[in-house]
Amino acid sequence: MVALDTHQLLAEVDSMPIDLKTKLIEKLLNSLNPLHHDIELWKQEIDSRVASIEKGAVNLIDGNDVFRKIKARFEQ
């Protein structure tokens, strides 16, 4: 990659078409706040799991039972 000074970079951005500038802005914002995308993915996963629970599509297991089984497995 060829290094550009700030003035060259800004001049290059000024000459870009608007759709490319928009993509660049989105990319820059995501690089400043990459967690936003991750949070949205987790929100989608949570919504999906809640919907599965509400439909009765999954069997829920009591958390205490899970931890009891884990503890028993490690005590063997």
Protein backbone atom coordinates (compact mmCIF):
# COMPACT_ATOMS: atom_id res chain seq x y z
CA MET A 1 0.00 0.00 0.00
CA VAL A 2 1.31 3.44 -0.92
CA ALA A 3 1.32 5.91 1.95
CA LEU A 4 -0.59 9.14 1.31
CA ASP A 5 -0.25 12.29 3.31
CA THR A 6 -3.41 13.78 4.78
CA HIS A 7 -3.87 16.36 2.03
CA GLN A 8 -3.54 13.75 -0.71
CA LEU A 9 -5.96 11.45 1.07
CA LEU A 10 -8.57 14.17 1.52
CA ALA A 11 -8.19 15.25 -2.10
CA GLU A 12 -8.71 11.65 -3.18
CA VAL A 13 -11.85 11.42 -1.03
CA ASP A 14 -13.19 14.69 -2.46
CA SER A 15 -12.94 13.26 -5.96
CA MET A 16 -14.88 10.08 -5.13
CA PRO A 17 -18.46 9.54 -6.26
CA ILE A 18 -21.08 9.85 -3.51
CA ASP A 19 -21.82 6.11 -3.31
CA LEU A 20 -18.16 5.33 -2.70
CA LYS A 21 -17.92 8.13 -0.12
CA THR A 22 -20.93 6.63 1.66
CA LYS A 23 -19.26 3.20 1.79
CA LEU A 24 -16.07 4.80 3.06
CA ILE A 25 -17.94 6.67 5.80
CA GLU A 26 -19.70 3.47 6.87
CA LYS A 27 -16.38 1.59 6.94
CA LEU A 28 -14.72 4.35 8.98
CA LEU A 29 -17.59 4.51 11.47
CA ASN A 30 -17.56 0.73 11.89
CA SER A 31 -13.82 0.82 12.52
CA LEU A 32 -14.37 3.40 15.27
CA ASN A 33 -17.24 1.49 16.84
CA PRO A 34 -16.93 -2.19 15.83
CA LEU A 35 -18.90 -3.36 18.85
CA HIS A 36 -22.14 -1.92 17.47
CA HIS A 37 -22.22 -4.61 14.79
CA ASP A 38 -21.47 -7.32 17.35
CA ILE A 39 -24.21 -6.04 19.63
CA GLU A 40 -26.72 -6.16 16.77
CA LEU A 41 -25.75 -9.76 16.01
CA TRP A 42 -26.21 -10.74 19.66
CA LYS A 43 -29.57 -8.96 19.76
CA GLN A 44 -30.72 -10.96 16.73
CA GLU A 45 -29.58 -14.19 18.40
CA ILE A 46 -31.38 -13.33 21.64
CA ASP A 47 -34.57 -12.44 19.75
CA SER A 48 -34.37 -15.76 17.88
CA ARG A 49 -33.90 -17.74 21.09
CA VAL A 50 -36.75 -15.94 22.85
CA ALA A 51 -39.03 -16.68 19.89
CA SER A 52 -38.05 -20.38 20.05
CA ILE A 53 -38.86 -20.47 23.76
CA GLU A 54 -42.20 -18.72 23.27
CA LYS A 55 -43.16 -21.19 20.50
CA GLY A 56 -42.25 -24.12 22.74
CA ALA A 57 -39.72 -25.29 20.16
CA VAL A 58 -37.01 -25.92 22.78
CA ASN A 59 -36.89 -27.81 26.06
CA LEU A 60 -35.68 -25.60 28.88
CA ILE A 61 -33.46 -27.02 31.61
CA ASP A 62 -33.32 -25.49 35.07
CA GLY A 63 -29.97 -23.75 35.62
CA ASN A 64 -29.50 -25.37 39.03
CA ASP A 65 -29.80 -28.82 37.43
CA VAL A 66 -27.19 -27.90 34.82
CA PHE A 67 -24.71 -26.71 37.45
CA ARG A 68 -25.38 -29.76 39.62
CA LYS A 69 -24.57 -32.04 36.66
CA ILE A 70 -21.40 -30.09 35.86
CA LYS A 71 -20.25 -30.26 39.46
CA ALA A 72 -20.93 -34.01 39.61
CA ARG A 73 -18.96 -34.55 36.39
CA PHE A 74 -15.90 -32.74 37.80
CA GLU A 75 -16.05 -34.59 41.13
CA GLN A 76 -15.69 -37.99 39.45
